[in-house]
């Protein structure tokens, strides 16, 4: 009658594959904190 909201619900399907792959890629590079400036490493 007035289009006021009664209820809402959302189902999300999330794919974390890209993020997981990026984390593994960076870890496999064996980056060293001593090689970089303090601020950029933080």
ModelCIF file with pLDDT and N, C-alpha, C, O atoms, coordinates in Angstrom:
data_MODEL
#
_entry.id   MODEL 
#
_entity.id                         1 
_entity.type                       polymer 
_entity.pdbx_number_of_molecules   1 
#
_entity_poly.entity_id                      1 
_entity_poly.type                           'polypeptide(L)' 
_entity_poly.nstd_linkage                   no 
_entity_poly.nstd_monomer                   no 
_entity_poly.pdbx_seq_one_letter_code       
;(UNK)(UNK)(UNK)(UNK)(UNK)(UNK)(UNK)(UNK)(UNK)(UNK)(UNK)(UNK)(UNK)(UNK)(UNK)(UNK)
(UNK)(UNK)(UNK)(UNK)(UNK)(UNK)(UNK)(UNK)(UNK)(UNK)(UNK)(UNK)(UNK)(UNK)(UNK)(UNK)
(UNK)(UNK)(UNK)(UNK)(UNK)(UNK)(UNK)(UNK)(UNK)(UNK)
;
_entity_poly.pdbx_seq_one_letter_code_can   XXXXXXXXXXXXXXXXXXXXXXXXXXXXXXXXXXXXXXXXXX 
_entity_poly.pdbx_strand_id                 A 
#
loop_
_entity_poly_seq.entity_id 
_entity_poly_seq.num 
_entity_poly_seq.mon_id 
_entity_poly_seq.hetero 
1 1  UNK n 
1 2  UNK n 
1 3  UNK n 
1 4  UNK n 
1 5  UNK n 
1 6  UNK n 
1 7  UNK n 
1 8  UNK n 
1 9  UNK n 
1 10 UNK n 
1 11 UNK n 
1 12 UNK n 
1 13 UNK n 
1 14 UNK n 
1 15 UNK n 
1 16 UNK n 
1 17 UNK n 
1 18 UNK n 
1 19 UNK n 
1 20 UNK n 
1 21 UNK n 
1 22 UNK n 
1 23 UNK n 
1 24 UNK n 
1 25 UNK n 
1 26 UNK n 
1 27 UNK n 
1 28 UNK n 
1 29 UNK n 
1 30 UNK n 
1 31 UNK n 
1 32 UNK n 
1 33 UNK n 
1 34 UNK n 
1 35 UNK n 
1 36 UNK n 
1 37 UNK n 
1 38 UNK n 
1 39 UNK n 
1 40 UNK n 
1 41 UNK n 
1 42 UNK n 
#
_struct_asym.id          A 
_struct_asym.entity_id   1 
#
loop_
_ma_qa_metric.id 
_ma_qa_metric.mode 
_ma_qa_metric.name 
_ma_qa_metric.software_group_id 
_ma_qa_metric.type 
1 global pLDDT . pLDDT 
2 local  pLDDT . pLDDT 
#
_ma_qa_metric_global.metric_id      1 
_ma_qa_metric_global.metric_value   95.00 
_ma_qa_metric_global.model_id       1 
_ma_qa_metric_global.ordinal_id     1 
#
loop_
_ma_qa_metric_local.label_asym_id 
_ma_qa_metric_local.label_comp_id 
_ma_qa_metric_local.label_seq_id 
_ma_qa_metric_local.metric_id 
_ma_qa_metric_local.metric_value 
_ma_qa_metric_local.model_id 
_ma_qa_metric_local.ordinal_id 
A UNK 1  2 90.00 1 1  
A UNK 2  2 91.00 1 2  
A UNK 3  2 92.00 1 3  
A UNK 4  2 95.00 1 4  
A UNK 5  2 96.00 1 5  
A UNK 6  2 97.00 1 6  
A UNK 7  2 97.00 1 7  
A UNK 8  2 97.00 1 8  
A UNK 9  2 97.00 1 9  
A UNK 10 2 96.00 1 10 
A UNK 11 2 96.00 1 11 
A UNK 12 2 93.00 1 12 
A UNK 13 2 93.00 1 13 
A UNK 14 2 92.00 1 14 
A UNK 15 2 90.00 1 15 
A UNK 16 2 92.00 1 16 
A UNK 17 2 94.00 1 17 
A UNK 18 2 95.00 1 18 
A UNK 19 2 96.00 1 19 
A UNK 20 2 96.00 1 20 
A UNK 21 2 96.00 1 21 
A UNK 22 2 97.00 1 22 
A UNK 23 2 97.00 1 23 
A UNK 24 2 96.00 1 24 
A UNK 25 2 96.00 1 25 
A UNK 26 2 97.00 1 26 
A UNK 27 2 95.00 1 27 
A UNK 28 2 96.00 1 28 
A UNK 29 2 95.00 1 29 
A UNK 30 2 94.00 1 30 
A UNK 31 2 95.00 1 31 
A UNK 32 2 94.00 1 32 
A UNK 33 2 95.00 1 33 
A UNK 34 2 94.00 1 34 
A UNK 35 2 95.00 1 35 
A UNK 36 2 97.00 1 36 
A UNK 37 2 97.00 1 37 
A UNK 38 2 95.00 1 38 
A UNK 39 2 95.00 1 39 
A UNK 40 2 96.00 1 40 
A UNK 41 2 97.00 1 41 
A UNK 42 2 96.00 1 42 
#
loop_
_atom_site.group_PDB 
_atom_site.id 
_atom_site.type_symbol 
_atom_site.label_atom_id 
_atom_site.label_alt_id 
_atom_site.label_comp_id 
_atom_site.label_asym_id 
_atom_site.label_entity_id 
_atom_site.label_seq_id 
_atom_site.pdbx_PDB_ins_code 
_atom_site.Cartn_x 
_atom_site.Cartn_y 
_atom_site.Cartn_z 
_atom_site.occupancy 
_atom_site.B_iso_or_equiv 
_atom_site.pdbx_formal_charge 
_atom_site.auth_seq_id 
_atom_site.auth_comp_id 
_atom_site.auth_asym_id 
_atom_site.auth_atom_id 
_atom_site.pdbx_PDB_model_num 
ATOM 1   N N  . UNK A 1 1  ? 0.808  -1.214  0.000  1.00 90.00 ? 1  UNK A N  1 
ATOM 2   C CA . UNK A 1 1  ? 0.000  0.000   0.000  1.00 90.00 ? 1  UNK A CA 1 
ATOM 3   C C  . UNK A 1 1  ? 0.841  1.263   0.000  1.00 90.00 ? 1  UNK A C  1 
ATOM 4   O O  . UNK A 1 1  ? 0.492  2.229   -0.678 1.00 90.00 ? 1  UNK A O  1 
ATOM 5   N N  . UNK A 1 2  ? 1.954  1.280   0.752  1.00 91.00 ? 2  UNK A N  1 
ATOM 6   C CA . UNK A 1 2  ? 2.792  2.470   0.779  1.00 91.00 ? 2  UNK A CA 1 
ATOM 7   C C  . UNK A 1 2  ? 4.260  2.176   0.465  1.00 91.00 ? 2  UNK A C  1 
ATOM 8   O O  . UNK A 1 2  ? 5.097  3.077   0.504  1.00 91.00 ? 2  UNK A O  1 
ATOM 9   N N  . UNK A 1 3  ? 4.572  0.909   0.154  1.00 92.00 ? 3  UNK A N  1 
ATOM 10  C CA . UNK A 1 3  ? 5.913  0.462   -0.201 1.00 92.00 ? 3  UNK A CA 1 
ATOM 11  C C  . UNK A 1 3  ? 6.932  0.725   0.905  1.00 92.00 ? 3  UNK A C  1 
ATOM 12  O O  . UNK A 1 3  ? 8.108  0.957   0.626  1.00 92.00 ? 3  UNK A O  1 
ATOM 13  N N  . UNK A 1 4  ? 6.481  0.688   2.163  1.00 95.00 ? 4  UNK A N  1 
ATOM 14  C CA . UNK A 1 4  ? 7.409  0.732   3.289  1.00 95.00 ? 4  UNK A CA 1 
ATOM 15  C C  . UNK A 1 4  ? 8.003  -0.661  3.486  1.00 95.00 ? 4  UNK A C  1 
ATOM 16  O O  . UNK A 1 4  ? 7.361  -1.671  3.199  1.00 95.00 ? 4  UNK A O  1 
ATOM 17  N N  . UNK A 1 5  ? 9.245  -0.693  3.982  1.00 96.00 ? 5  UNK A N  1 
ATOM 18  C CA . UNK A 1 5  ? 9.995  -1.942  4.073  1.00 96.00 ? 5  UNK A CA 1 
ATOM 19  C C  . UNK A 1 5  ? 9.542  -2.772  5.271  1.00 96.00 ? 5  UNK A C  1 
ATOM 20  O O  . UNK A 1 5  ? 9.481  -2.273  6.395  1.00 96.00 ? 5  UNK A O  1 
ATOM 21  N N  . UNK A 1 6  ? 9.231  -4.019  5.025  1.00 97.00 ? 6  UNK A N  1 
ATOM 22  C CA . UNK A 1 6  ? 8.874  -4.969  6.069  1.00 97.00 ? 6  UNK A CA 1 
ATOM 23  C C  . UNK A 1 6  ? 10.073 -5.805  6.505  1.00 97.00 ? 6  UNK A C  1 
ATOM 24  O O  . UNK A 1 6  ? 10.293 -6.005  7.700  1.00 97.00 ? 6  UNK A O  1 
ATOM 25  N N  . UNK A 1 7  ? 10.845 -6.291  5.538  1.00 97.00 ? 7  UNK A N  1 
ATOM 26  C CA . UNK A 1 7  ? 11.928 -7.213  5.848  1.00 97.00 ? 7  UNK A CA 1 
ATOM 27  C C  . UNK A 1 7  ? 12.907 -7.235  4.694  1.00 97.00 ? 7  UNK A C  1 
ATOM 28  O O  . UNK A 1 7  ? 12.538 -6.971  3.550  1.00 97.00 ? 7  UNK A O  1 
ATOM 29  N N  . UNK A 1 8  ? 14.156 -7.552  4.994  1.00 97.00 ? 8  UNK A N  1 
ATOM 30  C CA . UNK A 1 8  ? 15.136 -7.759  3.941  1.00 97.00 ? 8  UNK A CA 1 
ATOM 31  C C  . UNK A 1 8  ? 16.164 -8.785  4.379  1.00 97.00 ? 8  UNK A C  1 
ATOM 32  O O  . UNK A 1 8  ? 16.469 -8.920  5.564  1.00 97.00 ? 8  UNK A O  1 
ATOM 33  N N  . UNK A 1 9  ? 16.692 -9.504  3.400  1.00 97.00 ? 9  UNK A N  1 
ATOM 34  C CA . UNK A 1 9  ? 17.670 -10.545 3.663  1.00 97.00 ? 9  UNK A CA 1 
ATOM 35  C C  . UNK A 1 9  ? 18.506 -10.760 2.413  1.00 97.00 ? 9  UNK A C  1 
ATOM 36  O O  . UNK A 1 9  ? 17.988 -10.753 1.296  1.00 97.00 ? 9  UNK A O  1 
ATOM 37  N N  . UNK A 1 10 ? 19.825 -10.955 2.616  1.00 96.00 ? 10 UNK A N  1 
ATOM 38  C CA . UNK A 1 10 ? 20.739 -11.158 1.503  1.00 96.00 ? 10 UNK A CA 1 
ATOM 39  C C  . UNK A 1 10 ? 21.601 -12.390 1.742  1.00 96.00 ? 10 UNK A C  1 
ATOM 40  O O  . UNK A 1 10 ? 22.151 -12.583 2.826  1.00 96.00 ? 10 UNK A O  1 
ATOM 41  N N  . UNK A 1 11 ? 21.707 -13.207 0.723  1.00 96.00 ? 11 UNK A N  1 
ATOM 42  C CA . UNK A 1 11 ? 22.640 -14.325 0.713  1.00 96.00 ? 11 UNK A CA 1 
ATOM 43  C C  . UNK A 1 11 ? 23.812 -13.945 -0.192 1.00 96.00 ? 11 UNK A C  1 
ATOM 44  O O  . UNK A 1 11 ? 23.623 -13.608 -1.361 1.00 96.00 ? 11 UNK A O  1 
ATOM 45  N N  . UNK A 1 12 ? 25.012 -14.003 0.358  1.00 93.00 ? 12 UNK A N  1 
ATOM 46  C CA . UNK A 1 12 ? 26.214 -13.712 -0.409 1.00 93.00 ? 12 UNK A CA 1 
ATOM 47  C C  . UNK A 1 12 ? 26.968 -15.005 -0.723 1.00 93.00 ? 12 UNK A C  1 
ATOM 48  O O  . UNK A 1 12 ? 27.081 -15.902 0.113  1.00 93.00 ? 12 UNK A O  1 
ATOM 49  N N  . UNK A 1 13 ? 27.469 -15.069 -1.930 1.00 93.00 ? 13 UNK A N  1 
ATOM 50  C CA . UNK A 1 13 ? 28.401 -16.122 -2.306 1.00 93.00 ? 13 UNK A CA 1 
ATOM 51  C C  . UNK A 1 13 ? 29.733 -15.468 -2.592 1.00 93.00 ? 13 UNK A C  1 
ATOM 52  O O  . UNK A 1 13 ? 29.866 -14.729 -3.568 1.00 93.00 ? 13 UNK A O  1 
ATOM 53  N N  . UNK A 1 14 ? 30.709 -15.727 -1.762 1.00 92.00 ? 14 UNK A N  1 
ATOM 54  C CA . UNK A 1 14 ? 32.006 -15.080 -1.879 1.00 92.00 ? 14 UNK A CA 1 
ATOM 55  C C  . UNK A 1 14 ? 33.073 -16.090 -2.290 1.00 92.00 ? 14 UNK A C  1 
ATOM 56  O O  . UNK A 1 14 ? 33.115 -17.208 -1.777 1.00 92.00 ? 14 UNK A O  1 
ATOM 57  N N  . UNK A 1 15 ? 33.928 -15.683 -3.215 1.00 90.00 ? 15 UNK A N  1 
ATOM 58  C CA . UNK A 1 15 ? 35.028 -16.517 -3.696 1.00 90.00 ? 15 UNK A CA 1 
ATOM 59  C C  . UNK A 1 15 ? 36.348 -15.882 -3.238 1.00 90.00 ? 15 UNK A C  1 
ATOM 60  O O  . UNK A 1 15 ? 36.724 -14.806 -3.703 1.00 90.00 ? 15 UNK A O  1 
ATOM 61  N N  . UNK A 1 16 ? 37.036 -16.560 -2.328 1.00 92.00 ? 16 UNK A N  1 
ATOM 62  C CA . UNK A 1 16 ? 38.274 -16.013 -1.778 1.00 92.00 ? 16 UNK A CA 1 
ATOM 63  C C  . UNK A 1 16 ? 39.524 -16.522 -2.492 1.00 92.00 ? 16 UNK A C  1 
ATOM 64  O O  . UNK A 1 16 ? 40.640 -16.313 -2.016 1.00 92.00 ? 16 UNK A O  1 
ATOM 65  N N  . UNK A 1 17 ? 39.341 -17.190 -3.634 1.00 94.00 ? 17 UNK A N  1 
ATOM 66  C CA . UNK A 1 17 ? 40.472 -17.806 -4.323 1.00 94.00 ? 17 UNK A CA 1 
ATOM 67  C C  . UNK A 1 17 ? 41.549 -16.798 -4.710 1.00 94.00 ? 17 UNK A C  1 
ATOM 68  O O  . UNK A 1 17 ? 42.736 -17.039 -4.488 1.00 94.00 ? 17 UNK A O  1 
ATOM 69  N N  . UNK A 1 18 ? 41.136 -15.666 -5.289 1.00 95.00 ? 18 UNK A N  1 
ATOM 70  C CA . UNK A 1 18 ? 42.108 -14.670 -5.744 1.00 95.00 ? 18 UNK A CA 1 
ATOM 71  C C  . UNK A 1 18 ? 42.922 -14.125 -4.583 1.00 95.00 ? 18 UNK A C  1 
ATOM 72  O O  . UNK A 1 18 ? 44.137 -13.958 -4.697 1.00 95.00 ? 18 UNK A O  1 
ATOM 73  N N  . UNK A 1 19 ? 42.263 -13.849 -3.467 1.00 96.00 ? 19 UNK A N  1 
ATOM 74  C CA . UNK A 1 19 ? 42.971 -13.325 -2.300 1.00 96.00 ? 19 UNK A CA 1 
ATOM 75  C C  . UNK A 1 19 ? 43.917 -14.372 -1.732 1.00 96.00 ? 19 UNK A C  1 
ATOM 76  O O  . UNK A 1 19 ? 45.052 -14.052 -1.379 1.00 96.00 ? 19 UNK A O  1 
ATOM 77  N N  . UNK A 1 20 ? 43.473 -15.602 -1.639 1.00 96.00 ? 20 UNK A N  1 
ATOM 78  C CA . UNK A 1 20 ? 44.333 -16.674 -1.134 1.00 96.00 ? 20 UNK A CA 1 
ATOM 79  C C  . UNK A 1 20 ? 45.558 -16.867 -2.016 1.00 96.00 ? 20 UNK A C  1 
ATOM 80  O O  . UNK A 1 20 ? 46.667 -17.036 -1.510 1.00 96.00 ? 20 UNK A O  1 
ATOM 81  N N  . UNK A 1 21 ? 45.367 -16.842 -3.315 1.00 96.00 ? 21 UNK A N  1 
ATOM 82  C CA . UNK A 1 21 ? 46.496 -17.006 -4.236 1.00 96.00 ? 21 UNK A CA 1 
ATOM 83  C C  . UNK A 1 21 ? 47.501 -15.868 -4.108 1.00 96.00 ? 21 UNK A C  1 
ATOM 84  O O  . UNK A 1 21 ? 48.710 -16.094 -4.158 1.00 96.00 ? 21 UNK A O  1 
ATOM 85  N N  . UNK A 1 22 ? 47.001 -14.642 -3.942 1.00 97.00 ? 22 UNK A N  1 
ATOM 86  C CA . UNK A 1 22 ? 47.891 -13.503 -3.789 1.00 97.00 ? 22 UNK A CA 1 
ATOM 87  C C  . UNK A 1 22 ? 48.698 -13.596 -2.503 1.00 97.00 ? 22 UNK A C  1 
ATOM 88  O O  . UNK A 1 22 ? 49.893 -13.299 -2.509 1.00 97.00 ? 22 UNK A O  1 
ATOM 89  N N  . UNK A 1 23 ? 48.080 -13.999 -1.407 1.00 97.00 ? 23 UNK A N  1 
ATOM 90  C CA . UNK A 1 23 ? 48.796 -14.176 -0.146 1.00 97.00 ? 23 UNK A CA 1 
ATOM 91  C C  . UNK A 1 23 ? 49.903 -15.211 -0.299 1.00 97.00 ? 23 UNK A C  1 
ATOM 92  O O  . UNK A 1 23 ? 51.035 -14.982 0.128  1.00 97.00 ? 23 UNK A O  1 
ATOM 93  N N  . UNK A 1 24 ? 49.582 -16.338 -0.902 1.00 96.00 ? 24 UNK A N  1 
ATOM 94  C CA . UNK A 1 24 ? 50.579 -17.391 -1.093 1.00 96.00 ? 24 UNK A CA 1 
ATOM 95  C C  . UNK A 1 24 ? 51.710 -16.935 -2.007 1.00 96.00 ? 24 UNK A C  1 
ATOM 96  O O  . UNK A 1 24 ? 52.873 -17.257 -1.766 1.00 96.00 ? 24 UNK A O  1 
ATOM 97  N N  . UNK A 1 25 ? 51.377 -16.192 -3.047 1.00 96.00 ? 25 UNK A N  1 
ATOM 98  C CA . UNK A 1 25 ? 52.385 -15.677 -3.968 1.00 96.00 ? 25 UNK A CA 1 
ATOM 99  C C  . UNK A 1 25 ? 53.378 -14.775 -3.238 1.00 96.00 ? 25 UNK A C  1 
ATOM 100 O O  . UNK A 1 25 ? 54.589 -14.919 -3.408 1.00 96.00 ? 25 UNK A O  1 
ATOM 101 N N  . UNK A 1 26 ? 52.878 -13.861 -2.440 1.00 97.00 ? 26 UNK A N  1 
ATOM 102 C CA . UNK A 1 26 ? 53.744 -12.923 -1.721 1.00 97.00 ? 26 UNK A CA 1 
ATOM 103 C C  . UNK A 1 26 ? 54.591 -13.629 -0.675 1.00 97.00 ? 26 UNK A C  1 
ATOM 104 O O  . UNK A 1 26 ? 55.759 -13.286 -0.489 1.00 97.00 ? 26 UNK A O  1 
ATOM 105 N N  . UNK A 1 27 ? 54.021 -14.602 0.004  1.00 95.00 ? 27 UNK A N  1 
ATOM 106 C CA . UNK A 1 27 ? 54.785 -15.342 1.003  1.00 95.00 ? 27 UNK A CA 1 
ATOM 107 C C  . UNK A 1 27 ? 55.906 -16.153 0.353  1.00 95.00 ? 27 UNK A C  1 
ATOM 108 O O  . UNK A 1 27 ? 56.988 -16.289 0.924  1.00 95.00 ? 27 UNK A O  1 
ATOM 109 N N  . UNK A 1 28 ? 55.654 -16.680 -0.815 1.00 96.00 ? 28 UNK A N  1 
ATOM 110 C CA . UNK A 1 28 ? 56.673 -17.464 -1.515 1.00 96.00 ? 28 UNK A CA 1 
ATOM 111 C C  . UNK A 1 28 ? 57.822 -16.607 -2.042 1.00 96.00 ? 28 UNK A C  1 
ATOM 112 O O  . UNK A 1 28 ? 58.861 -17.144 -2.426 1.00 96.00 ? 28 UNK A O  1 
ATOM 113 N N  . UNK A 1 29 ? 57.653 -15.289 -2.067 1.00 95.00 ? 29 UNK A N  1 
ATOM 114 C CA . UNK A 1 29 ? 58.709 -14.391 -2.507 1.00 95.00 ? 29 UNK A CA 1 
ATOM 115 C C  . UNK A 1 29 ? 59.754 -14.161 -1.419 1.00 95.00 ? 29 UNK A C  1 
ATOM 116 O O  . UNK A 1 29 ? 60.823 -13.612 -1.685 1.00 95.00 ? 29 UNK A O  1 
ATOM 117 N N  . UNK A 1 30 ? 59.441 -14.585 -0.188 1.00 94.00 ? 30 UNK A N  1 
ATOM 118 C CA . UNK A 1 30 ? 60.379 -14.461 0.932  1.00 94.00 ? 30 UNK A CA 1 
ATOM 119 C C  . UNK A 1 30 ? 60.904 -13.030 1.087  1.00 94.00 ? 30 UNK A C  1 
ATOM 120 O O  . UNK A 1 30 ? 62.108 -12.810 1.223  1.00 94.00 ? 30 UNK A O  1 
ATOM 121 N N  . UNK A 1 31 ? 60.002 -12.088 1.066  1.00 95.00 ? 31 UNK A N  1 
ATOM 122 C CA . UNK A 1 31 ? 60.388 -10.692 1.264  1.00 95.00 ? 31 UNK A CA 1 
ATOM 123 C C  . UNK A 1 31 ? 60.931 -10.480 2.664  1.00 95.00 ? 31 UNK A C  1 
ATOM 124 O O  . UNK A 1 31 ? 60.456 -11.088 3.623  1.00 95.00 ? 31 UNK A O  1 
ATOM 125 N N  . UNK A 1 32 ? 61.951 -9.595  2.781  1.00 94.00 ? 32 UNK A N  1 
ATOM 126 C CA . UNK A 1 32 ? 62.597 -9.341  4.064  1.00 94.00 ? 32 UNK A CA 1 
ATOM 127 C C  . UNK A 1 32 ? 62.339 -7.913  4.521  1.00 94.00 ? 32 UNK A C  1 
ATOM 128 O O  . UNK A 1 32 ? 62.533 -6.965  3.760  1.00 94.00 ? 32 UNK A O  1 
ATOM 129 N N  . UNK A 1 33 ? 61.907 -7.768  5.753  1.00 95.00 ? 33 UNK A N  1 
ATOM 130 C CA . UNK A 1 33 ? 61.616 -6.454  6.310  1.00 95.00 ? 33 UNK A CA 1 
ATOM 131 C C  . UNK A 1 33 ? 62.816 -5.518  6.235  1.00 95.00 ? 33 UNK A C  1 
ATOM 132 O O  . UNK A 1 33 ? 62.656 -4.319  6.005  1.00 95.00 ? 33 UNK A O  1 
ATOM 133 N N  . UNK A 1 34 ? 64.022 -6.063  6.429  1.00 94.00 ? 34 UNK A N  1 
ATOM 134 C CA . UNK A 1 34 ? 65.232 -5.234  6.442  1.00 94.00 ? 34 UNK A CA 1 
ATOM 135 C C  . UNK A 1 34 ? 65.537 -4.592  5.094  1.00 94.00 ? 34 UNK A C  1 
ATOM 136 O O  . UNK A 1 34 ? 66.331 -3.653  5.027  1.00 94.00 ? 34 UNK A O  1 
ATOM 137 N N  . UNK A 1 35 ? 64.932 -5.072  4.038  1.00 95.00 ? 35 UNK A N  1 
ATOM 138 C CA . UNK A 1 35 ? 65.183 -4.535  2.708  1.00 95.00 ? 35 UNK A CA 1 
ATOM 139 C C  . UNK A 1 35 ? 64.355 -3.301  2.383  1.00 95.00 ? 35 UNK A C  1 
ATOM 140 O O  . UNK A 1 35 ? 64.586 -2.657  1.360  1.00 95.00 ? 35 UNK A O  1 
ATOM 141 N N  . UNK A 1 36 ? 63.393 -2.961  3.239  1.00 97.00 ? 36 UNK A N  1 
ATOM 142 C CA . UNK A 1 36 ? 62.446 -1.915  2.890  1.00 97.00 ? 36 UNK A CA 1 
ATOM 143 C C  . UNK A 1 36 ? 62.338 -0.880  4.007  1.00 97.00 ? 36 UNK A C  1 
ATOM 144 O O  . UNK A 1 36 ? 62.668 -1.152  5.161  1.00 97.00 ? 36 UNK A O  1 
ATOM 145 N N  . UNK A 1 37 ? 61.880 0.285   3.647  1.00 97.00 ? 37 UNK A N  1 
ATOM 146 C CA . UNK A 1 37 ? 61.694 1.337   4.639  1.00 97.00 ? 37 UNK A CA 1 
ATOM 147 C C  . UNK A 1 37 ? 60.652 0.922   5.650  1.00 97.00 ? 37 UNK A C  1 
ATOM 148 O O  . UNK A 1 37 ? 59.769 0.112   5.369  1.00 97.00 ? 37 UNK A O  1 
ATOM 149 N N  . UNK A 1 38 ? 60.774 1.498   6.841  1.00 95.00 ? 38 UNK A N  1 
ATOM 150 C CA . UNK A 1 38 ? 59.911 1.121   7.948  1.00 95.00 ? 38 UNK A CA 1 
ATOM 151 C C  . UNK A 1 38 ? 58.435 1.344   7.621  1.00 95.00 ? 38 UNK A C  1 
ATOM 152 O O  . UNK A 1 38 ? 57.606 0.463   7.851  1.00 95.00 ? 38 UNK A O  1 
ATOM 153 N N  . UNK A 1 39 ? 58.109 2.522   7.084  1.00 95.00 ? 39 UNK A N  1 
ATOM 154 C CA . UNK A 1 39 ? 56.712 2.865   6.833  1.00 95.00 ? 39 UNK A CA 1 
ATOM 155 C C  . UNK A 1 39 ? 56.099 1.986   5.746  1.00 95.00 ? 39 UNK A C  1 
ATOM 156 O O  . UNK A 1 39 ? 54.974 1.509   5.891  1.00 95.00 ? 39 UNK A O  1 
ATOM 157 N N  . UNK A 1 40 ? 56.846 1.768   4.648  1.00 96.00 ? 40 UNK A N  1 
ATOM 158 C CA . UNK A 1 40 ? 56.284 0.965   3.563  1.00 96.00 ? 40 UNK A CA 1 
ATOM 159 C C  . UNK A 1 40 ? 56.118 -0.486  3.983  1.00 96.00 ? 40 UNK A C  1 
ATOM 160 O O  . UNK A 1 40 ? 55.155 -1.138  3.580  1.00 96.00 ? 40 UNK A O  1 
ATOM 161 N N  . UNK A 1 41 ? 57.042 -0.999  4.786  1.00 97.00 ? 41 UNK A N  1 
ATOM 162 C CA . UNK A 1 41 ? 56.913 -2.377  5.240  1.00 97.00 ? 41 UNK A CA 1 
ATOM 163 C C  . UNK A 1 41 ? 55.725 -2.532  6.198  1.00 97.00 ? 41 UNK A C  1 
ATOM 164 O O  . UNK A 1 41 ? 55.017 -3.538  6.153  1.00 97.00 ? 41 UNK A O  1 
ATOM 165 N N  . UNK A 1 42 ? 55.513 -1.550  7.049  1.00 96.00 ? 42 UNK A N  1 
ATOM 166 C CA . UNK A 1 42 ? 54.376 -1.629  7.972  1.00 96.00 ? 42 UNK A CA 1 
ATOM 167 C C  . UNK A 1 42 ? 53.052 -1.664  7.213  1.00 96.00 ? 42 UNK A C  1 
ATOM 168 O O  . UNK A 1 42 ? 51.989 -1.729  7.829  1.00 96.00 ? 42 UNK A O  1 
#
